[in-house]
């Protein structure tokens, strides 16, 4: 049987690990949002430019 001190130590470790992983998920979600906005901004800028007739390789 596992000693109560060992269980407390493992519980503390797991709580800290969960907190770190939740923080990582929050950071990654924020970064994904920033990248999505950047992609939309770049896509919008490309769509606003008139087409270049010489840019098609002719």
PDB file of N, CA and C in Angstrom:
ATOM      1  N   UNK A   1       0.837  -1.190   0.000  1.00  0.00           N
ATOM      2  CA  UNK A   1       0.000   0.000   0.000  1.00  0.00           C
ATOM      3  C   UNK A   1       0.882   1.254   0.000  1.00  0.00           C
ATOM      4  N   UNK A   2       0.420   2.286  -0.688  1.00  0.00           N
ATOM      5  CA  UNK A   2       1.189   3.521  -0.813  1.00  0.00           C
ATOM      6  C   UNK A   2       0.984   4.379   0.432  1.00  0.00           C
ATOM      7  N   UNK A   3       2.076   4.949   0.911  1.00  0.00           N
ATOM      8  CA  UNK A   3       2.031   5.791   2.106  1.00  0.00           C
ATOM      9  C   UNK A   3       1.293   7.091   1.800  1.00  0.00           C
ATOM     10  N   UNK A   4       0.583   7.631   2.804  1.00  0.00           N
ATOM     11  CA  UNK A   4      -0.143   8.896   2.595  1.00  0.00           C
ATOM     12  C   UNK A   4       0.769  10.044   2.154  1.00  0.00           C
ATOM     13  N   UNK A   5       2.001  10.071   2.646  1.00  0.00           N
ATOM     14  CA  UNK A   5       2.933  11.141   2.250  1.00  0.00           C
ATOM     15  C   UNK A   5       3.250  11.042   0.758  1.00  0.00           C
ATOM     16  N   UNK A   6       3.411   9.805   0.278  1.00  0.00           N
ATOM     17  CA  UNK A   6       3.690   9.616  -1.147  1.00  0.00           C
ATOM     18  C   UNK A   6       2.498  10.069  -1.998  1.00  0.00           C
ATOM     19  N   UNK A   7       1.302   9.754  -1.537  1.00  0.00           N
ATOM     20  CA  UNK A   7       0.104  10.161  -2.265  1.00  0.00           C
ATOM     21  C   UNK A   7      -0.045  11.677  -2.272  1.00  0.00           C
ATOM     22  N   UNK A   8       0.267  12.311  -1.154  1.00  0.00           N
ATOM     23  CA  UNK A   8       0.186  13.771  -1.095  1.00  0.00           C
ATOM     24  C   UNK A   8       1.197  14.411  -2.037  1.00  0.00           C
ATOM     25  N   UNK A   9       2.409  13.847  -2.055  1.00  0.00           N
ATOM     26  CA  UNK A   9       3.451  14.379  -2.932  1.00  0.00           C
ATOM     27  C   UNK A   9       3.048  14.196  -4.396  1.00  0.00           C
ATOM     28  N   UNK A  10       2.521  13.037  -4.745  1.00  0.00           N
ATOM     29  CA  UNK A  10       2.085  12.798  -6.112  1.00  0.00           C
ATOM     30  C   UNK A  10       0.912  13.706  -6.477  1.00  0.00           C
ATOM     31  N   UNK A  11      -0.011  13.894  -5.553  1.00  0.00           N
ATOM     32  CA  UNK A  11      -1.160  14.766  -5.795  1.00  0.00           C
ATOM     33  C   UNK A  11      -0.694  16.196  -6.054  1.00  0.00           C
ATOM     34  N   UNK A  12       0.229  16.674  -5.266  1.00  0.00           N
ATOM     35  CA  UNK A  12       0.767  18.019  -5.452  1.00  0.00           C
ATOM     36  C   UNK A  12       1.436  18.144  -6.817  1.00  0.00           C
ATOM     37  N   UNK A  13       2.244  17.144  -7.161  1.00  0.00           N
ATOM     38  CA  UNK A  13       2.915  17.163  -8.464  1.00  0.00           C
ATOM     39  C   UNK A  13       1.880  17.201  -9.596  1.00  0.00           C
ATOM     40  N   UNK A  14       0.873  16.357  -9.507  1.00  0.00           N
ATOM     41  CA  UNK A  14      -0.132  16.294 -10.561  1.00  0.00           C
ATOM     42  C   UNK A  14      -0.923  17.600 -10.660  1.00  0.00           C
ATOM     43  N   UNK A  15      -1.221  18.219  -9.539  1.00  0.00           N
ATOM     44  CA  UNK A  15      -1.918  19.503  -9.570  1.00  0.00           C
ATOM     45  C   UNK A  15      -1.064  20.576 -10.251  1.00  0.00           C
ATOM     46  N   UNK A  16       0.228  20.587  -9.932  1.00  0.00           N
ATOM     47  CA  UNK A  16       1.127  21.554 -10.564  1.00  0.00           C
ATOM     48  C   UNK A  16       1.244  21.276 -12.059  1.00  0.00           C
ATOM     49  N   UNK A  17       1.299  20.007 -12.417  1.00  0.00           N
ATOM     50  CA  UNK A  17       1.413  19.643 -13.829  1.00  0.00           C
ATOM     51  C   UNK A  17       0.160  20.046 -14.608  1.00  0.00           C
ATOM     52  N   UNK A  18      -1.001  19.823 -14.015  1.00  0.00           N
ATOM     53  CA  UNK A  18      -2.263  20.217 -14.652  1.00  0.00           C
ATOM     54  C   UNK A  18      -2.291  21.729 -14.855  1.00  0.00           C
ATOM     55  N   UNK A  19      -1.871  22.475 -13.843  1.00  0.00           N
ATOM     56  CA  UNK A  19      -1.848  23.931 -13.957  1.00  0.00           C
ATOM     57  C   UNK A  19      -0.919  24.370 -15.089  1.00  0.00           C
ATOM     58  N   UNK A  20       0.243  23.722 -15.193  1.00  0.00           N
ATOM     59  CA  UNK A  20       1.184  24.074 -16.255  1.00  0.00           C
ATOM     60  C   UNK A  20       0.600  23.747 -17.622  1.00  0.00           C
ATOM     61  N   UNK A  21      -0.027  22.593 -17.749  1.00  0.00           N
ATOM     62  CA  UNK A  21      -0.616  22.205 -19.032  1.00  0.00           C
ATOM     63  C   UNK A  21      -1.773  23.132 -19.413  1.00  0.00           C
ATOM     64  N   UNK A  22      -2.566  23.545 -18.434  1.00  0.00           N
ATOM     65  CA  UNK A  22      -3.653  24.485 -18.721  1.00  0.00           C
ATOM     66  C   UNK A  22      -3.093  25.817 -19.205  1.00  0.00           C
ATOM     67  N   UNK A  23      -2.005  26.248 -18.597  1.00  0.00           N
ATOM     68  CA  UNK A  23      -1.349  27.483 -19.022  1.00  0.00           C
ATOM     69  C   UNK A  23      -0.820  27.335 -20.448  1.00  0.00           C
ATOM     70  N   UNK A  24      -0.231  26.182 -20.743  1.00  0.00           N
ATOM     71  CA  UNK A  24       0.278  25.931 -22.093  1.00  0.00           C
ATOM     72  C   UNK A  24      -0.849  25.964 -23.122  1.00  0.00           C
ATOM     73  N   UNK A  25      -1.981  25.366 -22.786  1.00  0.00           N
ATOM     74  CA  UNK A  25      -3.126  25.359 -23.706  1.00  0.00           C
ATOM     75  C   UNK A  25      -3.615  26.786 -23.946  1.00  0.00           C
ATOM     76  N   UNK A  26      -3.666  27.584 -22.897  1.00  0.00           N
ATOM     77  CA  UNK A  26      -4.081  28.982 -23.029  1.00  0.00           C
ATOM     78  C   UNK A  26      -3.121  29.737 -23.943  1.00  0.00           C
ATOM     79  N   UNK A  27      -1.812  29.537 -23.739  1.00  0.00           N
ATOM     80  CA  UNK A  27      -0.816  30.210 -24.566  1.00  0.00           C
ATOM     81  C   UNK A  27      -0.927  29.784 -26.032  1.00  0.00           C
ATOM     82  N   UNK A  28      -1.096  28.489 -26.260  1.00  0.00           N
ATOM     83  CA  UNK A  28      -1.192  27.982 -27.627  1.00  0.00           C
ATOM     84  C   UNK A  28      -2.462  28.493 -28.296  1.00  0.00           C
ATOM     85  N   UNK A  29      -3.554  28.541 -27.551  1.00  0.00           N
ATOM     86  CA  UNK A  29      -4.805  29.052 -28.112  1.00  0.00           C
ATOM     87  C   UNK A  29      -4.668  30.521 -28.504  1.00  0.00           C
ATOM     88  N   UNK A  30      -4.011  31.290 -27.665  1.00  0.00           N
ATOM     89  CA  UNK A  30      -3.803  32.705 -27.977  1.00  0.00           C
ATOM     90  C   UNK A  30      -2.925  32.855 -29.217  1.00  0.00           C
ATOM     91  N   UNK A  31      -1.876  32.049 -29.308  1.00  0.00           N
ATOM     92  CA  UNK A  31      -0.994  32.115 -30.471  1.00  0.00           C
ATOM     93  C   UNK A  31      -1.743  31.702 -31.737  1.00  0.00           C
ATOM     94  N   UNK A  32      -2.574  30.684 -31.654  1.00  0.00           N
ATOM     95  CA  UNK A  32      -3.373  30.257 -32.812  1.00  0.00           C
ATOM     96  C   UNK A  32      -4.300  31.389 -33.250  1.00  0.00           C
ATOM     97  N   UNK A  33      -4.888  32.093 -32.294  1.00  0.00           N
ATOM     98  CA  UNK A  33      -5.745  33.230 -32.631  1.00  0.00           C
ATOM     99  C   UNK A  33      -4.974  34.338 -33.327  1.00  0.00           C
ATOM    100  N   UNK A  34      -3.778  34.624 -32.825  1.00  0.00           N
ATOM    101  CA  UNK A  34      -2.947  35.657 -33.464  1.00  0.00           C
ATOM    102  C   UNK A  34      -2.570  35.246 -34.888  1.00  0.00           C
ATOM    103  N   UNK A  35      -2.201  33.994 -35.064  1.00  0.00           N
ATOM    104  CA  UNK A  35      -1.826  33.529 -36.401  1.00  0.00           C
ATOM    105  C   UNK A  35      -3.019  33.548 -37.348  1.00  0.00           C
ATOM    106  N   UNK A  36      -4.199  33.197 -36.838  1.00  0.00           N
ATOM    107  CA  UNK A  36      -5.421  33.231 -37.657  1.00  0.00           C
ATOM    108  C   UNK A  36      -5.700  34.661 -38.113  1.00  0.00           C
ATOM    109  N   UNK A  37      -5.572  35.619 -37.191  1.00  0.00           N
ATOM    110  CA  UNK A  37      -5.792  37.023 -37.540  1.00  0.00           C
ATOM    111  C   UNK A  37      -4.777  37.497 -38.573  1.00  0.00           C
ATOM    112  N   UNK A  38      -3.525  37.089 -38.403  1.00  0.00           N
ATOM    113  CA  UNK A  38      -2.482  37.475 -39.360  1.00  0.00           C
ATOM    114  C   UNK A  38      -2.782  36.890 -40.735  1.00  0.00           C
ATOM    115  N   UNK A  39      -3.205  35.649 -40.778  1.00  0.00           N
ATOM    116  CA  UNK A  39      -3.551  35.012 -42.050  1.00  0.00           C
ATOM    117  C   UNK A  39      -4.715  35.735 -42.719  1.00  0.00           C
ATOM    118  N   UNK A  40      -5.727  36.086 -41.939  1.00  0.00           N
ATOM    119  CA  UNK A  40      -6.871  36.810 -42.493  1.00  0.00           C
ATOM    120  C   UNK A  40      -6.443  38.184 -42.998  1.00  0.00           C
ATOM    121  N   UNK A  41      -5.557  38.838 -42.252  1.00  0.00           N
ATOM    122  CA  UNK A  41      -5.072  40.151 -42.663  1.00  0.00           C
ATOM    123  C   UNK A  41      -4.293  40.053 -43.968  1.00  0.00           C
ATOM    124  N   UNK A  42      -3.416  39.066 -44.065  1.00  0.00           N
ATOM    125  CA  UNK A  42      -2.625  38.893 -45.286  1.00  0.00           C
ATOM    126  C   UNK A  42      -3.508  38.482 -46.456  1.00  0.00           C
ATOM    127  N   UNK A  43      -4.452  37.624 -46.204  1.00  0.00           N
ATOM    128  CA  UNK A  43      -5.363  37.187 -47.264  1.00  0.00           C
ATOM    129  C   UNK A  43      -6.191  38.375 -47.756  1.00  0.00           C
ATOM    130  N   UNK A  44      -6.654  39.186 -46.834  1.00  0.00           N
ATOM    131  CA  UNK A  44      -7.431  40.368 -47.203  1.00  0.00           C
ATOM    132  C   UNK A  44      -6.607  41.351 -48.001  1.00  0.00           C
ATOM    133  N   UNK A  45      -5.360  41.519 -47.639  1.00  0.00           N
ATOM    134  CA  UNK A  45      -4.480  42.446 -48.361  1.00  0.00           C
ATOM    135  C   UNK A  45      -4.260  41.949 -49.778  1.00  0.00           C
ATOM    136  N   UNK A  46      -4.063  40.634 -49.950  1.00  0.00           N
ATOM    137  CA  UNK A  46      -3.843  40.054 -51.267  1.00  0.00           C
ATOM    138  C   UNK A  46      -5.093  40.224 -52.129  1.00  0.00           C
ATOM    139  N   UNK A  47      -6.262  40.052 -51.521  1.00  0.00           N
ATOM    140  CA  UNK A  47      -7.513  40.158 -52.262  1.00  0.00           C
ATOM    141  C   UNK A  47      -7.777  41.605 -52.693  1.00  0.00           C
ATOM    142  N   UNK A  48      -7.244  42.584 -51.971  1.00  0.00           N
ATOM    143  CA  UNK A  48      -7.503  43.977 -52.276  1.00  0.00           C
ATOM    144  C   UNK A  48      -6.626  44.484 -53.422  1.00  0.00           C
ATOM    145  N   UNK A  49      -5.487  43.837 -53.661  1.00  0.00           N
ATOM    146  CA  UNK A  49      -4.595  44.292 -54.737  1.00  0.00           C
ATOM    147  C   UNK A  49      -5.173  43.935 -56.098  1.00  0.00           C
ATOM    148  N   UNK A  50      -5.028  44.828 -57.053  1.00  0.00           N
ATOM    149  CA  UNK A  50      -5.478  44.473 -58.419  1.00  0.00           C
ATOM    150  C   UNK A  50      -4.541  43.396 -58.975  1.00  0.00           C
ATOM    151  N   UNK A  51      -5.051  42.535 -59.820  1.00  0.00           N
ATOM    152  CA  UNK A  51      -4.205  41.481 -60.381  1.00  0.00           C
ATOM    153  C   UNK A  51      -3.110  42.071 -61.270  1.00  0.00           C
ATOM    154  N   UNK A  52      -1.973  41.417 -61.263  1.00  0.00           N
ATOM    155  CA  UNK A  52      -0.843  41.855 -62.066  1.00  0.00           C
ATOM    156  C   UNK A  52      -0.846  41.052 -63.359  1.00  0.00           C
ATOM    157  N   UNK A  53      -1.120  41.677 -64.497  1.00  0.00           N
ATOM    158  CA  UNK A  53      -1.213  40.915 -65.747  1.00  0.00           C
ATOM    159  C   UNK A  53       0.118  40.297 -66.152  1.00  0.00           C
ATOM    160  N   UNK A  54       1.223  40.864 -65.693  1.00  0.00           N
ATOM    161  CA  UNK A  54       2.534  40.305 -66.045  1.00  0.00           C
ATOM    162  C   UNK A  54       2.997  39.256 -65.029  1.00  0.00           C
ATOM    163  N   UNK A  55       2.259  39.081 -63.973  1.00  0.00           N
ATOM    164  CA  UNK A  55       2.658  38.159 -62.926  1.00  0.00           C
ATOM    165  C   UNK A  55       2.219  36.733 -63.156  1.00  0.00           C
ATOM    166  N   UNK A  56       1.544  36.450 -64.268  1.00  0.00           N
ATOM    167  CA  UNK A  56       1.040  35.099 -64.500  1.00  0.00           C
ATOM    168  C   UNK A  56       2.018  34.241 -65.265  1.00  0.00           C
ATOM    169  N   UNK A  57       3.218  34.732 -65.529  1.00  0.00           N
ATOM    170  CA  UNK A  57       4.238  33.946 -66.205  1.00  0.00           C
ATOM    171  C   UNK A  57       4.193  34.083 -67.708  1.00  0.00           C
ATOM    172  N   UNK A  58       3.442  35.008 -68.229  1.00  0.00           N
ATOM    173  CA  UNK A  58       3.356  35.194 -69.688  1.00  0.00           C
ATOM    174  C   UNK A  58       4.475  36.059 -70.183  1.00  0.00           C
TER     175      UNK A  58
END
